[in-house]
Amino acid sequence: MSRKPDEQELERAAEAVGGLLMEAVQATIADRTPDPSRECVAEFLSIDDKVAPEDDGGPTELVATLTLVQWLSAARNELLDRPGRVEEALGWIEDAMGRRYRSRARYTCGALESADGARESMEYAAALQDDFLPSMIWLVAGVVAVHGEGDVTWLRRLAGPEQLLSGVAADLF
């Protein structure tokens, strides 16, 4: 079965966003600062401003959000036998970046806790504002640092590229 050009374009865009997110996660683990995540999100928002200048949020931000939720959901499924998985990831964030960042990431850990939690996390987007997506990246970095031995390819193994956006909508909507 051949895919339509629009589907191929969406797949390429999702892969590009996923690649930037992977880089941000890896840099967050290496640098132990919130800056790589914020820089990554600023790049997404810049792209969205060019593509959809009148919209609040754009396609790149949406794909990034879906990708992060998918990664956290995949990690949750992998770590079901680890009831402390959320606190372990938050602990890494606190050790690496400080209590303030742990507190912010706590609001976005829903997908790591339960399938229903992903929806709840979305409710905090307005409250966290510019730190919403970065806090999700910090959380993914914490999970990778603690459970993936700091290797972002662990995420790809859990949530193969063919599953990038599949199943995420069910968690969110």
C-alpha atoms as a PDB file:
ATOM      1  CA  MET A   1       0.000   0.000   0.000  1.00  0.00           C
ATOM      2  CA  SER A   2       1.442   3.375  -0.927  1.00  0.00           C
ATOM      3  CA  ARG A   3       1.075   6.347   1.297  1.00  0.00           C
ATOM      4  CA  LYS A   4      -0.192   9.684   0.152  1.00  0.00           C
ATOM      5  CA  PRO A   5       2.308  12.548  -0.142  1.00  0.00           C
ATOM      6  CA  ASP A   6       0.576  14.340   2.761  1.00  0.00           C
ATOM      7  CA  GLU A   7       1.066  11.294   5.002  1.00  0.00           C
ATOM      8  CA  GLN A   8       4.730  11.078   4.019  1.00  0.00           C
ATOM      9  CA  GLU A   9       5.188  14.771   4.754  1.00  0.00           C
ATOM     10  CA  LEU A  10       3.545  14.373   8.164  1.00  0.00           C
ATOM     11  CA  GLU A  11       5.791  11.394   8.932  1.00  0.00           C
ATOM     12  CA  ARG A  12       8.902  13.391   7.988  1.00  0.00           C
ATOM     13  CA  ALA A  13       7.761  16.312  10.132  1.00  0.00           C
ATOM     14  CA  ALA A  14       7.051  14.005  13.079  1.00  0.00           C
ATOM     15  CA  GLU A  15      10.480  12.391  12.689  1.00  0.00           C
ATOM     16  CA  ALA A  16      12.148  15.819  12.594  1.00  0.00           C
ATOM     17  CA  VAL A  17      10.291  16.952  15.726  1.00  0.00           C
ATOM     18  CA  GLY A  18      11.151  13.656  17.431  1.00  0.00           C
ATOM     19  CA  GLY A  19      14.802  14.112  16.514  1.00  0.00           C
ATOM     20  CA  LEU A  20      14.897  17.603  18.013  1.00  0.00           C
ATOM     21  CA  LEU A  21      13.183  16.320  21.144  1.00  0.00           C
ATOM     22  CA  MET A  22      15.705  13.474  21.432  1.00  0.00           C
ATOM     23  CA  GLU A  23      18.529  16.010  21.194  1.00  0.00           C
ATOM     24  CA  ALA A  24      16.901  18.138  23.896  1.00  0.00           C
ATOM     25  CA  VAL A  25      16.450  15.121  26.178  1.00  0.00           C
ATOM     26  CA  GLN A  26      20.069  14.057  25.672  1.00  0.00           C
ATOM     27  CA  ALA A  27      21.362  17.605  26.253  1.00  0.00           C
ATOM     28  CA  THR A  28      19.201  17.960  29.364  1.00  0.00           C
ATOM     29  CA  ILE A  29      20.704  14.766  30.766  1.00  0.00           C
ATOM     30  CA  ALA A  30      24.252  15.833  29.863  1.00  0.00           C
ATOM     31  CA  ASP A  31      24.010  19.497  30.918  1.00  0.00           C
ATOM     32  CA  ARG A  32      21.652  18.961  33.864  1.00  0.00           C
ATOM     33  CA  THR A  33      19.975  22.301  33.162  1.00  0.00           C
ATOM     34  CA  PRO A  34      16.526  23.335  31.890  1.00  0.00           C
ATOM     35  CA  ASP A  35      18.011  25.349  29.011  1.00  0.00           C
ATOM     36  CA  PRO A  36      18.234  22.709  26.238  1.00  0.00           C
ATOM     37  CA  SER A  37      14.523  21.956  26.641  1.00  0.00           C
ATOM     38  CA  ARG A  38      13.556  25.610  26.541  1.00  0.00           C
ATOM     39  CA  GLU A  39      15.725  26.192  23.464  1.00  0.00           C
ATOM     40  CA  CYS A  40      14.108  23.240  21.710  1.00  0.00           C
ATOM     41  CA  VAL A  41      10.607  24.523  22.460  1.00  0.00           C
ATOM     42  CA  ALA A  42      11.583  28.031  21.307  1.00  0.00           C
ATOM     43  CA  GLU A  43      12.606  26.496  17.983  1.00  0.00           C
ATOM     44  CA  PHE A  44       9.214  24.755  17.682  1.00  0.00           C
ATOM     45  CA  LEU A  45       7.354  27.958  18.479  1.00  0.00           C
ATOM     46  CA  SER A  46       9.411  29.864  15.916  1.00  0.00           C
ATOM     47  CA  ILE A  47       8.432  27.332  13.257  1.00  0.00           C
ATOM     48  CA  ASP A  48       4.787  27.561  14.297  1.00  0.00           C
ATOM     49  CA  ASP A  49       4.878  31.375  14.155  1.00  0.00           C
ATOM     50  CA  LYS A  50       5.945  31.109  10.516  1.00  0.00           C
ATOM     51  CA  VAL A  51       3.411  28.430   9.629  1.00  0.00           C
ATOM     52  CA  ALA A  52       0.393  29.570  11.644  1.00  0.00           C
ATOM     53  CA  PRO A  53       1.081  33.105  12.976  1.00  0.00           C
ATOM     54  CA  GLU A  54      -2.501  33.775  14.135  1.00  0.00           C
ATOM     55  CA  ASP A  55      -2.945  30.521  16.017  1.00  0.00           C
ATOM     56  CA  ASP A  56      -2.324  29.843  19.683  1.00  0.00           C
ATOM     57  CA  GLY A  57      -0.130  26.804  19.354  1.00  0.00           C
ATOM     58  CA  GLY A  58       0.643  25.298  16.024  1.00  0.00           C
ATOM     59  CA  PRO A  59       1.305  22.009  14.310  1.00  0.00           C
ATOM     60  CA  THR A  60       4.888  21.665  15.517  1.00  0.00           C
ATOM     61  CA  GLU A  61       3.883  22.277  19.126  1.00  0.00           C
ATOM     62  CA  LEU A  62       1.070  19.744  18.770  1.00  0.00           C
ATOM     63  CA  VAL A  63       3.345  17.068  17.293  1.00  0.00           C
ATOM     64  CA  ALA A  64       5.905  17.730  20.056  1.00  0.00           C
ATOM     65  CA  THR A  65       3.220  17.379  22.725  1.00  0.00           C
ATOM     66  CA  LEU A  66       1.897  14.158  21.212  1.00  0.00           C
ATOM     67  CA  THR A  67       5.401  12.747  20.888  1.00  0.00           C
ATOM     68  CA  LEU A  68       6.265  13.509  24.518  1.00  0.00           C
ATOM     69  CA  VAL A  69       2.994  11.998  25.742  1.00  0.00           C
ATOM     70  CA  GLN A  70       3.654   8.918  23.632  1.00  0.00           C
ATOM     71  CA  TRP A  71       7.163   8.531  25.075  1.00  0.00           C
ATOM     72  CA  LEU A  72       5.905   8.938  28.633  1.00  0.00           C
ATOM     73  CA  SER A  73       3.097   6.445  27.952  1.00  0.00           C
ATOM     74  CA  ALA A  74       5.551   3.936  26.484  1.00  0.00           C
ATOM     75  CA  ALA A  75       7.823   4.377  29.506  1.00  0.00           C
ATOM     76  CA  ARG A  76       4.832   3.876  31.819  1.00  0.00           C
ATOM     77  CA  ASN A  77       3.951   0.640  30.050  1.00  0.00           C
ATOM     78  CA  GLU A  78       7.547  -0.561  30.257  1.00  0.00           C
ATOM     79  CA  LEU A  79       7.833   0.342  33.938  1.00  0.00           C
ATOM     80  CA  LEU A  80       4.468  -0.857  35.270  1.00  0.00           C
ATOM     81  CA  ASP A  81       6.303  -2.982  37.814  1.00  0.00           C
ATOM     82  CA  ARG A  82       8.006   0.178  39.161  1.00  0.00           C
ATOM     83  CA  PRO A  83       5.361   2.023  41.203  1.00  0.00           C
ATOM     84  CA  GLY A  84       7.963   4.651  42.153  1.00  0.00           C
ATOM     85  CA  ARG A  85       8.790   5.508  38.521  1.00  0.00           C
ATOM     86  CA  VAL A  86       7.301   9.010  38.716  1.00  0.00           C
ATOM     87  CA  GLU A  87       9.016   9.936  41.975  1.00  0.00           C
ATOM     88  CA  GLU A  88      12.305   8.493  40.693  1.00  0.00           C
ATOM     89  CA  ALA A  89      12.165  10.662  37.566  1.00  0.00           C
ATOM     90  CA  LEU A  90      11.135  13.718  39.582  1.00  0.00           C
ATOM     91  CA  GLY A  91      13.974  13.017  42.001  1.00  0.00           C
ATOM     92  CA  TRP A  92      16.441  13.097  39.129  1.00  0.00           C
ATOM     93  CA  ILE A  93      15.026  16.448  37.993  1.00  0.00           C
ATOM     94  CA  GLU A  94      15.419  17.878  41.492  1.00  0.00           C
ATOM     95  CA  ASP A  95      18.985  16.578  41.807  1.00  0.00           C
ATOM     96  CA  ALA A  96      19.938  17.835  38.347  1.00  0.00           C
ATOM     97  CA  MET A  97      18.084  21.158  38.141  1.00  0.00           C
ATOM     98  CA  GLY A  98      16.478  21.952  41.474  1.00  0.00           C
ATOM     99  CA  ARG A  99      13.205  21.788  43.355  1.00  0.00           C
ATOM    100  CA  ARG A 100      11.513  24.458  41.201  1.00  0.00           C
ATOM    101  CA  TYR A 101      11.851  22.306  38.081  1.00  0.00           C
ATOM    102  CA  ARG A 102      10.724  19.175  39.891  1.00  0.00           C
ATOM    103  CA  SER A 103       7.572  21.027  40.968  1.00  0.00           C
ATOM    104  CA  ARG A 104       6.798  22.109  37.425  1.00  0.00           C
ATOM    105  CA  ALA A 105       7.413  18.667  35.978  1.00  0.00           C
ATOM    106  CA  ARG A 106       5.097  17.165  38.601  1.00  0.00           C
ATOM    107  CA  TYR A 107       2.169  18.775  36.797  1.00  0.00           C
ATOM    108  CA  THR A 108       3.030  17.022  33.536  1.00  0.00           C
ATOM    109  CA  CYS A 109       3.743  13.520  34.834  1.00  0.00           C
ATOM    110  CA  GLY A 110       0.217  12.213  34.247  1.00  0.00           C
ATOM    111  CA  ALA A 111       1.076  10.086  31.215  1.00  0.00           C
ATOM    112  CA  LEU A 112       3.827   8.417  33.227  1.00  0.00           C
ATOM    113  CA  GLU A 113       1.331   7.628  36.005  1.00  0.00           C
ATOM    114  CA  SER A 114      -1.673   6.328  34.066  1.00  0.00           C
ATOM    115  CA  ALA A 115      -3.480   6.433  30.732  1.00  0.00           C
ATOM    116  CA  ASP A 116      -6.055   8.813  32.223  1.00  0.00           C
ATOM    117  CA  GLY A 117      -3.285  11.006  33.604  1.00  0.00           C
ATOM    118  CA  ALA A 118      -2.261  12.233  30.154  1.00  0.00           C
ATOM    119  CA  ARG A 119      -5.527  14.143  29.830  1.00  0.00           C
ATOM    120  CA  GLU A 120      -5.090  15.634  33.278  1.00  0.00           C
ATOM    121  CA  SER A 121      -1.601  16.877  32.413  1.00  0.00           C
ATOM    122  CA  MET A 122      -3.000  18.824  29.472  1.00  0.00           C
ATOM    123  CA  GLU A 123      -5.126  20.826  31.897  1.00  0.00           C
ATOM    124  CA  TYR A 124      -1.954  22.402  33.303  1.00  0.00           C
ATOM    125  CA  ALA A 125      -0.731  23.783  29.970  1.00  0.00           C
ATOM    126  CA  ALA A 126      -2.194  27.228  30.641  1.00  0.00           C
ATOM    127  CA  ALA A 127      -0.828  27.375  34.188  1.00  0.00           C
ATOM    128  CA  LEU A 128       2.697  26.324  33.175  1.00  0.00           C
ATOM    129  CA  GLN A 129       2.660  28.501  30.039  1.00  0.00           C
ATOM    130  CA  ASP A 130       6.171  28.593  28.540  1.00  0.00           C
ATOM    131  CA  ASP A 131       7.335  25.764  30.789  1.00  0.00           C
ATOM    132  CA  PHE A 132       4.651  23.264  29.767  1.00  0.00           C
ATOM    133  CA  LEU A 133       6.572  21.506  26.994  1.00  0.00           C
ATOM    134  CA  PRO A 134       9.978  21.975  28.650  1.00  0.00           C
ATOM    135  CA  SER A 135       8.649  20.350  31.816  1.00  0.00           C
ATOM    136  CA  MET A 136       7.578  17.328  29.777  1.00  0.00           C
ATOM    137  CA  ILE A 137      11.059  17.163  28.248  1.00  0.00           C
ATOM    138  CA  TRP A 138      12.593  17.370  31.753  1.00  0.00           C
ATOM    139  CA  LEU A 139      10.361  14.498  32.819  1.00  0.00           C
ATOM    140  CA  VAL A 140      11.355  12.384  29.822  1.00  0.00           C
ATOM    141  CA  ALA A 141      15.003  13.203  30.580  1.00  0.00           C
ATOM    142  CA  GLY A 142      14.478  12.077  34.166  1.00  0.00           C
ATOM    143  CA  VAL A 143      12.919   8.809  33.058  1.00  0.00           C
ATOM    144  CA  VAL A 144      15.702   8.164  30.546  1.00  0.00           C
ATOM    145  CA  ALA A 145      18.402   9.069  33.071  1.00  0.00           C
ATOM    146  CA  VAL A 146      16.980   6.804  35.765  1.00  0.00           C
ATOM    147  CA  HIS A 147      15.488   3.912  33.798  1.00  0.00           C
ATOM    148  CA  GLY A 148      17.219   4.113  30.422  1.00  0.00           C
ATOM    149  CA  GLU A 149      20.734   4.518  31.793  1.00  0.00           C
ATOM    150  CA  GLY A 150      20.889   7.990  30.196  1.00  0.00           C
ATOM    151  CA  ASP A 151      20.592   6.573  26.681  1.00  0.00           C
ATOM    152  CA  VAL A 152      17.843   8.197  24.592  1.00  0.00           C
ATOM    153  CA  THR A 153      17.797   5.261  22.193  1.00  0.00           C
ATOM    154  CA  TRP A 154      15.966   3.478  25.020  1.00  0.00           C
ATOM    155  CA  LEU A 155      12.961   5.632  24.045  1.00  0.00           C
ATOM    156  CA  ARG A 156      13.163   4.529  20.415  1.00  0.00           C
ATOM    157  CA  ARG A 157      13.249   0.929  21.531  1.00  0.00           C
ATOM    158  CA  LEU A 158      10.159   1.435  23.687  1.00  0.00           C
ATOM    159  CA  ALA A 159       8.221   3.573  21.248  1.00  0.00           C
ATOM    160  CA  GLY A 160       9.455   2.639  17.805  1.00  0.00           C
ATOM    161  CA  PRO A 161       9.188   5.297  15.102  1.00  0.00           C
ATOM    162  CA  GLU A 162       6.318   3.445  13.456  1.00  0.00           C
ATOM    163  CA  GLN A 163       4.257   4.077  16.610  1.00  0.00           C
ATOM    164  CA  LEU A 164       5.170   7.741  16.913  1.00  0.00           C
ATOM    165  CA  LEU A 165       1.648   9.121  17.114  1.00  0.00           C
ATOM    166  CA  SER A 166      -0.464   5.987  17.233  1.00  0.00           C
ATOM    167  CA  GLY A 167      -2.325   5.428  20.433  1.00  0.00           C
ATOM    168  CA  VAL A 168      -1.542   8.872  21.842  1.00  0.00           C
ATOM    169  CA  ALA A 169      -4.844  10.388  20.828  1.00  0.00           C
ATOM    170  CA  ALA A 170      -6.630   7.742  22.880  1.00  0.00           C
ATOM    171  CA  ASP A 171      -4.677   8.810  25.963  1.00  0.00           C
ATOM    172  CA  LEU A 172      -5.477  12.475  25.400  1.00  0.00           C
ATOM    173  CA  PHE A 173      -9.008  12.547  24.022  1.00  0.00           C
END
